[in-house]
């Protein structure tokens, strides 16, 4: 799939999410995405447009922990499409809709500003002392 077709897939995906495709760089095969308040990431696309070598990253250290789920998904077996990768990124920023190891981190290690963007509630986790941890 050529880069313009991938960019079209990304634009269509953005129409159903809070993200915007804010930049594309065909030479690097890079697409940059942004959503308020300050949620950003980029995708490097493989030459063939479908495969397990997409790469997602963010220049924002606050966003990087949220991308772990997508990075794990990309590195797992099987071919991936850009749409599948973008959906996994979206779910990475919306952990209440998925049962992932990322959700099991103590609440104090998570940044709730991203969750507020997507309207999710903090997960309450049992504390070894019998107390419940909450980000509220």
N, C-alpha and C. Protein backbone atom coordinates (compact mmCIF):
# COMPACT_ATOMS: atom_id res chain seq x y z
N UNK A 1 0.86 -1.17 0.00
CA UNK A 1 0.00 0.00 0.00
C UNK A 1 0.91 1.24 0.00
N UNK A 2 0.64 2.16 -0.90
CA UNK A 2 1.49 3.35 -0.93
C UNK A 2 1.14 4.29 0.23
N UNK A 3 2.03 5.23 0.48
CA UNK A 3 1.91 6.08 1.65
C UNK A 3 0.63 6.91 1.63
N UNK A 4 0.23 7.40 0.48
CA UNK A 4 -1.00 8.21 0.40
C UNK A 4 -2.22 7.38 0.80
N UNK A 5 -2.26 6.12 0.41
CA UNK A 5 -3.37 5.26 0.82
C UNK A 5 -3.37 5.06 2.34
N UNK A 6 -2.18 4.92 2.92
CA UNK A 6 -2.07 4.81 4.38
C UNK A 6 -2.56 6.09 5.05
N UNK A 7 -2.19 7.23 4.49
CA UNK A 7 -2.64 8.52 5.03
C UNK A 7 -4.16 8.62 4.96
N UNK A 8 -4.76 8.11 3.90
CA UNK A 8 -6.22 8.11 3.78
C UNK A 8 -6.86 7.23 4.86
N UNK A 9 -6.24 6.07 5.12
CA UNK A 9 -6.73 5.19 6.19
C UNK A 9 -6.65 5.93 7.53
N UNK A 10 -5.55 6.63 7.76
CA UNK A 10 -5.37 7.37 9.02
C UNK A 10 -6.40 8.48 9.16
N UNK A 11 -6.66 9.21 8.09
CA UNK A 11 -7.67 10.28 8.12
C UNK A 11 -9.05 9.72 8.45
N UNK A 12 -9.39 8.62 7.85
CA UNK A 12 -10.69 8.00 8.11
C UNK A 12 -10.77 7.55 9.57
N UNK A 13 -9.69 6.96 10.10
CA UNK A 13 -9.66 6.54 11.50
C UNK A 13 -9.84 7.75 12.42
N UNK A 14 -9.18 8.84 12.10
CA UNK A 14 -9.28 10.05 12.92
C UNK A 14 -10.71 10.58 13.00
N UNK A 15 -11.48 10.38 11.95
CA UNK A 15 -12.84 10.90 11.93
C UNK A 15 -13.72 10.26 13.00
N UNK A 16 -13.29 9.13 13.55
CA UNK A 16 -14.06 8.44 14.58
C UNK A 16 -13.40 8.49 15.96
N UNK A 17 -12.38 9.31 16.11
CA UNK A 17 -11.64 9.41 17.37
C UNK A 17 -11.38 10.88 17.68
N UNK A 18 -10.87 11.18 18.88
CA UNK A 18 -10.51 12.57 19.19
C UNK A 18 -9.19 13.00 18.54
N UNK A 19 -8.50 12.10 17.88
CA UNK A 19 -7.20 12.41 17.29
C UNK A 19 -7.33 13.10 15.94
N UNK A 20 -6.30 13.89 15.63
CA UNK A 20 -6.16 14.52 14.31
C UNK A 20 -4.84 14.08 13.72
N UNK A 21 -4.82 13.85 12.44
CA UNK A 21 -3.58 13.61 11.73
C UNK A 21 -3.00 14.98 11.43
N UNK A 22 -1.96 15.36 12.16
CA UNK A 22 -1.46 16.74 12.06
C UNK A 22 -0.29 16.89 11.11
N UNK A 23 0.38 15.79 10.76
CA UNK A 23 1.51 15.88 9.84
C UNK A 23 1.78 14.50 9.23
N UNK A 24 2.23 14.54 7.99
CA UNK A 24 2.69 13.31 7.33
C UNK A 24 4.02 13.62 6.66
N UNK A 25 4.90 12.67 6.66
CA UNK A 25 6.20 12.80 6.02
C UNK A 25 6.43 11.55 5.18
N UNK A 26 6.21 11.68 3.88
CA UNK A 26 6.26 10.52 3.01
C UNK A 26 7.65 9.90 2.94
N UNK A 27 8.69 10.72 2.96
CA UNK A 27 10.05 10.20 2.88
C UNK A 27 10.37 9.29 4.05
N UNK A 28 9.96 9.70 5.26
CA UNK A 28 10.17 8.90 6.46
C UNK A 28 9.04 7.91 6.71
N UNK A 29 7.95 8.05 5.93
CA UNK A 29 6.74 7.25 6.10
C UNK A 29 6.20 7.41 7.52
N UNK A 30 6.16 8.66 7.95
CA UNK A 30 5.76 9.00 9.32
C UNK A 30 4.45 9.78 9.32
N UNK A 31 3.59 9.44 10.30
CA UNK A 31 2.32 10.15 10.51
C UNK A 31 2.26 10.58 11.96
N UNK A 32 1.96 11.86 12.18
CA UNK A 32 1.88 12.40 13.54
C UNK A 32 0.42 12.68 13.89
N UNK A 33 0.05 12.27 15.10
CA UNK A 33 -1.32 12.40 15.58
C UNK A 33 -1.34 13.21 16.87
N UNK A 34 -2.44 13.96 17.07
CA UNK A 34 -2.57 14.79 18.26
C UNK A 34 -4.03 14.86 18.70
N UNK A 35 -4.23 14.89 20.02
CA UNK A 35 -5.56 15.15 20.60
C UNK A 35 -5.35 16.00 21.84
N UNK A 36 -6.29 16.89 22.10
CA UNK A 36 -6.23 17.71 23.32
C UNK A 36 -6.50 16.83 24.52
N UNK A 37 -5.92 17.04 25.66
CA UNK A 37 -4.93 18.06 26.02
C UNK A 37 -3.51 17.52 25.95
N UNK A 38 -2.86 17.65 24.85
CA UNK A 38 -1.45 17.29 24.75
C UNK A 38 -1.14 15.81 24.55
N UNK A 39 -2.06 15.06 24.00
CA UNK A 39 -1.82 13.63 23.73
C UNK A 39 -1.31 13.52 22.30
N UNK A 40 -0.09 13.02 22.16
CA UNK A 40 0.48 12.93 20.82
C UNK A 40 1.27 11.63 20.66
N UNK A 41 1.30 11.17 19.44
CA UNK A 41 2.10 10.00 19.10
C UNK A 41 2.34 10.03 17.60
N UNK A 42 3.29 9.21 17.15
CA UNK A 42 3.49 9.08 15.71
C UNK A 42 3.64 7.61 15.35
N UNK A 43 3.38 7.34 14.08
CA UNK A 43 3.49 5.98 13.54
C UNK A 43 4.45 6.03 12.36
N UNK A 44 5.42 5.12 12.38
CA UNK A 44 6.27 4.90 11.22
C UNK A 44 5.72 3.69 10.49
N UNK A 45 5.43 3.85 9.21
CA UNK A 45 4.78 2.79 8.42
C UNK A 45 5.82 2.00 7.62
N UNK A 46 5.62 0.69 7.53
CA UNK A 46 6.53 -0.11 6.70
C UNK A 46 6.30 0.18 5.23
N UNK A 47 7.26 -0.19 4.42
CA UNK A 47 7.15 0.06 2.98
C UNK A 47 5.99 -0.66 2.35
N UNK A 48 5.65 -1.84 2.85
CA UNK A 48 4.57 -2.60 2.21
C UNK A 48 3.20 -2.25 2.79
N UNK A 49 3.14 -1.41 3.85
CA UNK A 49 1.87 -0.96 4.38
C UNK A 49 1.14 -1.94 5.27
N UNK A 50 1.58 -3.16 5.33
CA UNK A 50 0.94 -4.17 6.17
C UNK A 50 2.01 -5.12 6.65
N UNK A 51 2.15 -5.21 7.93
CA UNK A 51 3.18 -6.10 8.47
C UNK A 51 3.38 -5.83 9.94
N UNK A 52 4.30 -6.56 10.53
CA UNK A 52 4.50 -6.39 11.95
C UNK A 52 5.60 -5.38 12.25
N UNK A 53 5.96 -4.58 11.29
CA UNK A 53 7.02 -3.62 11.52
C UNK A 53 6.54 -2.16 11.51
N UNK A 54 5.30 -1.92 11.85
CA UNK A 54 4.88 -0.56 12.17
C UNK A 54 5.60 -0.18 13.45
N UNK A 55 5.77 1.08 13.69
CA UNK A 55 6.41 1.52 14.93
C UNK A 55 5.61 2.70 15.47
N UNK A 56 5.23 2.64 16.74
CA UNK A 56 4.55 3.78 17.38
C UNK A 56 5.44 4.32 18.48
N UNK A 57 5.42 5.63 18.62
CA UNK A 57 6.25 6.29 19.61
C UNK A 57 5.67 7.66 19.87
N UNK A 58 6.15 8.28 20.93
CA UNK A 58 5.74 9.65 21.23
C UNK A 58 6.96 10.42 21.71
N UNK A 59 7.01 11.67 21.36
CA UNK A 59 8.07 12.54 21.87
C UNK A 59 7.70 13.09 23.23
N UNK A 60 6.49 12.79 23.69
CA UNK A 60 6.03 13.19 25.01
C UNK A 60 6.25 12.04 25.99
N UNK A 61 7.07 12.27 27.00
CA UNK A 61 7.32 11.21 28.00
C UNK A 61 6.05 10.82 28.73
N UNK A 62 5.09 11.72 28.84
CA UNK A 62 3.82 11.40 29.50
C UNK A 62 3.00 10.41 28.70
N UNK A 63 3.16 10.40 27.39
CA UNK A 63 2.37 9.51 26.54
C UNK A 63 2.99 8.12 26.38
N UNK A 64 4.29 8.03 26.53
CA UNK A 64 4.98 6.76 26.25
C UNK A 64 4.43 5.56 27.02
N UNK A 65 4.15 5.67 28.33
CA UNK A 65 3.63 4.49 29.03
C UNK A 65 2.31 3.96 28.46
N UNK A 66 1.52 4.86 27.90
CA UNK A 66 0.23 4.46 27.34
C UNK A 66 0.39 3.71 26.02
N UNK A 67 1.54 3.87 25.37
CA UNK A 67 1.75 3.22 24.08
C UNK A 67 2.30 1.80 24.20
N UNK A 68 2.60 1.36 25.42
CA UNK A 68 3.17 0.02 25.60
C UNK A 68 2.27 -1.08 25.05
N UNK A 69 0.97 -0.97 25.28
CA UNK A 69 0.04 -1.98 24.77
C UNK A 69 0.14 -2.09 23.24
N UNK A 70 0.16 -0.96 22.57
CA UNK A 70 0.26 -0.96 21.11
C UNK A 70 1.61 -1.51 20.65
N UNK A 71 2.68 -1.14 21.35
CA UNK A 71 4.00 -1.63 20.98
C UNK A 71 4.08 -3.15 21.14
N UNK A 72 3.50 -3.67 22.22
CA UNK A 72 3.47 -5.12 22.41
C UNK A 72 2.67 -5.80 21.31
N UNK A 73 1.56 -5.20 20.95
CA UNK A 73 0.70 -5.75 19.89
C UNK A 73 1.46 -5.79 18.57
N UNK A 74 2.15 -4.74 18.23
CA UNK A 74 2.89 -4.67 16.97
C UNK A 74 3.97 -5.74 16.92
N UNK A 75 4.64 -5.96 18.05
CA UNK A 75 5.74 -6.92 18.06
C UNK A 75 5.27 -8.38 18.16
N UNK A 76 3.98 -8.59 18.41
CA UNK A 76 3.46 -9.95 18.46
C UNK A 76 3.37 -10.55 17.06
N UNK A 77 3.14 -11.83 17.00
CA UNK A 77 3.08 -12.53 15.71
C UNK A 77 1.92 -12.06 14.85
N UNK A 78 2.08 -12.20 13.57
CA UNK A 78 1.00 -11.90 12.64
C UNK A 78 1.13 -10.54 11.99
N UNK A 79 0.51 -10.43 10.85
CA UNK A 79 0.51 -9.17 10.09
C UNK A 79 -0.47 -8.19 10.70
N UNK A 80 -0.13 -6.93 10.70
CA UNK A 80 -0.99 -5.87 11.23
C UNK A 80 -1.26 -4.85 10.13
N UNK A 81 -2.44 -4.29 10.15
CA UNK A 81 -2.75 -3.19 9.25
C UNK A 81 -2.62 -1.89 10.03
N UNK A 82 -2.53 -0.79 9.33
CA UNK A 82 -2.45 0.50 9.99
C UNK A 82 -3.68 0.73 10.85
N UNK A 83 -4.85 0.38 10.35
CA UNK A 83 -6.08 0.57 11.13
C UNK A 83 -6.03 -0.22 12.43
N UNK A 84 -5.56 -1.46 12.38
CA UNK A 84 -5.45 -2.27 13.59
C UNK A 84 -4.48 -1.65 14.59
N UNK A 85 -3.37 -1.14 14.10
CA UNK A 85 -2.38 -0.50 14.97
C UNK A 85 -2.97 0.75 15.61
N UNK A 86 -3.65 1.58 14.83
CA UNK A 86 -4.25 2.80 15.37
C UNK A 86 -5.34 2.48 16.39
N UNK A 87 -6.12 1.45 16.14
CA UNK A 87 -7.14 1.04 17.12
C UNK A 87 -6.49 0.61 18.43
N UNK A 88 -5.37 -0.09 18.35
CA UNK A 88 -4.68 -0.54 19.56
C UNK A 88 -4.10 0.67 20.30
N UNK A 89 -3.62 1.67 19.58
CA UNK A 89 -3.14 2.90 20.22
C UNK A 89 -4.30 3.57 20.95
N UNK A 90 -5.43 3.68 20.28
CA UNK A 90 -6.61 4.30 20.90
C UNK A 90 -7.00 3.58 22.17
N UNK A 91 -7.02 2.25 22.13
CA UNK A 91 -7.34 1.46 23.32
C UNK A 91 -6.28 1.63 24.40
N UNK A 92 -5.05 1.88 24.00
CA UNK A 92 -3.99 2.11 24.98
C UNK A 92 -4.26 3.35 25.82
N UNK A 93 -4.89 4.34 25.22
CA UNK A 93 -5.24 5.56 25.94
C UNK A 93 -6.60 5.45 26.62
N UNK A 94 -7.30 4.33 26.44
CA UNK A 94 -8.62 4.11 27.06
C UNK A 94 -8.62 2.78 27.80
N UNK A 95 -7.82 2.63 28.86
CA UNK A 95 -7.67 1.32 29.49
C UNK A 95 -8.91 0.76 30.16
N UNK A 96 -9.94 1.56 30.42
CA UNK A 96 -11.14 1.00 31.05
C UNK A 96 -11.87 0.06 30.13
N UNK A 97 -11.61 0.13 28.85
CA UNK A 97 -12.29 -0.73 27.89
C UNK A 97 -11.52 -2.01 27.58
N UNK A 98 -10.37 -2.18 28.20
CA UNK A 98 -9.58 -3.37 27.93
C UNK A 98 -9.03 -3.92 29.23
N UNK A 99 -8.87 -5.21 29.29
CA UNK A 99 -8.25 -5.85 30.44
C UNK A 99 -6.79 -6.10 30.09
N UNK A 100 -5.92 -5.18 30.45
CA UNK A 100 -4.52 -5.29 30.07
C UNK A 100 -3.63 -5.18 31.29
N UNK A 101 -2.40 -5.66 31.17
CA UNK A 101 -1.45 -5.49 32.27
C UNK A 101 -1.23 -4.02 32.60
N UNK A 102 -1.38 -3.13 31.63
CA UNK A 102 -1.18 -1.70 31.86
C UNK A 102 -2.14 -1.20 32.94
N UNK A 103 -3.32 -1.79 33.04
CA UNK A 103 -4.29 -1.38 34.04
C UNK A 103 -3.87 -1.79 35.44
N UNK A 104 -2.99 -2.77 35.55
CA UNK A 104 -2.64 -3.30 36.85
C UNK A 104 -1.58 -2.49 37.56
N UNK A 105 -1.04 -1.46 36.93
CA UNK A 105 -0.07 -0.59 37.59
C UNK A 105 -0.76 0.16 38.71
N UNK A 106 -0.04 0.41 39.80
CA UNK A 106 -0.65 1.21 40.87
C UNK A 106 -1.12 2.56 40.35
N UNK A 107 -2.20 3.04 40.88
CA UNK A 107 -2.81 4.28 40.40
C UNK A 107 -1.84 5.44 40.47
N UNK A 108 -0.96 5.44 41.43
CA UNK A 108 -0.03 6.56 41.57
C UNK A 108 0.96 6.63 40.42
N UNK A 109 1.11 5.55 39.64
CA UNK A 109 2.04 5.55 38.52
C UNK A 109 1.38 6.01 37.22
N UNK A 110 0.08 6.23 37.22
CA UNK A 110 -0.62 6.62 36.00
C UNK A 110 -0.93 8.10 35.98
N UNK A 111 -0.97 8.66 34.81
CA UNK A 111 -1.37 10.05 34.65
C UNK A 111 -2.84 10.07 34.24
N UNK A 112 -3.67 10.70 35.04
CA UNK A 112 -5.11 10.66 34.77
C UNK A 112 -5.55 11.74 33.79
N UNK A 113 -4.67 12.64 33.41
CA UNK A 113 -5.08 13.67 32.46
C UNK A 113 -5.49 13.06 31.12
N UNK A 114 -4.83 11.99 30.70
CA UNK A 114 -5.19 11.35 29.44
C UNK A 114 -6.53 10.65 29.57
N UNK A 115 -6.77 10.04 30.72
CA UNK A 115 -8.05 9.39 30.95
C UNK A 115 -9.20 10.36 30.91
N UNK A 116 -8.97 11.55 31.43
CA UNK A 116 -10.03 12.55 31.42
C UNK A 116 -10.38 12.95 29.99
N UNK A 117 -9.36 12.95 29.12
CA UNK A 117 -9.61 13.27 27.71
C UNK A 117 -10.62 12.31 27.12
N UNK A 118 -10.50 11.03 27.46
CA UNK A 118 -11.36 10.02 26.89
C UNK A 118 -12.49 9.62 27.83
N UNK A 119 -12.67 10.40 28.89
CA UNK A 119 -13.83 10.23 29.77
C UNK A 119 -13.86 8.89 30.49
N UNK A 120 -12.74 8.44 31.02
CA UNK A 120 -12.77 7.20 31.76
C UNK A 120 -12.46 7.45 33.22
N UNK A 121 -12.90 6.52 34.04
CA UNK A 121 -12.75 6.64 35.47
C UNK A 121 -11.52 5.87 35.92
N UNK A 122 -10.83 6.36 36.96
CA UNK A 122 -9.66 5.64 37.45
C UNK A 122 -10.04 4.26 37.99
N UNK A 123 -9.20 3.32 37.76
CA UNK A 123 -9.40 1.97 38.25
C UNK A 123 -8.97 1.92 39.71
N UNK A 124 -9.80 1.36 40.57
CA UNK A 124 -9.43 1.20 41.96
C UNK A 124 -8.81 -0.18 42.12
N UNK A 125 -7.62 -0.20 42.71
CA UNK A 125 -6.87 -1.43 42.88
C UNK A 125 -6.72 -1.77 44.35
N UNK A 126 -6.82 -3.05 44.70
CA UNK A 126 -6.63 -3.42 46.10
C UNK A 126 -5.18 -3.23 46.49
N UNK A 127 -4.95 -2.71 47.66
CA UNK A 127 -3.61 -2.48 48.20
C UNK A 127 -3.30 -3.67 49.12
N UNK A 128 -2.05 -4.12 49.18
CA UNK A 128 -1.71 -5.27 50.02
C UNK A 128 -2.15 -5.11 51.49
N UNK A 129 -2.25 -3.89 51.99
CA UNK A 129 -2.67 -3.66 53.36
C UNK A 129 -4.18 -3.67 53.53
N UNK A 130 -4.91 -3.98 52.50
CA UNK A 130 -6.36 -4.03 52.58
C UNK A 130 -7.06 -2.74 52.19
N UNK A 131 -6.31 -1.68 51.92
CA UNK A 131 -6.89 -0.41 51.49
C UNK A 131 -7.05 -0.43 49.98
N UNK A 132 -7.88 0.43 49.47
CA UNK A 132 -8.08 0.54 48.03
C UNK A 132 -7.37 1.79 47.54
N UNK A 133 -6.55 1.65 46.51
CA UNK A 133 -5.88 2.78 45.90
C UNK A 133 -6.78 3.36 44.82
N UNK A 134 -6.83 4.65 44.75
CA UNK A 134 -7.60 5.31 43.72
C UNK A 134 -6.88 6.58 43.34
N UNK A 135 -7.04 7.00 42.11
CA UNK A 135 -6.37 8.22 41.65
C UNK A 135 -7.15 9.46 42.02
N UNK A 136 -8.29 9.31 42.61
CA UNK A 136 -9.11 10.48 42.95
C UNK A 136 -8.66 11.10 44.24
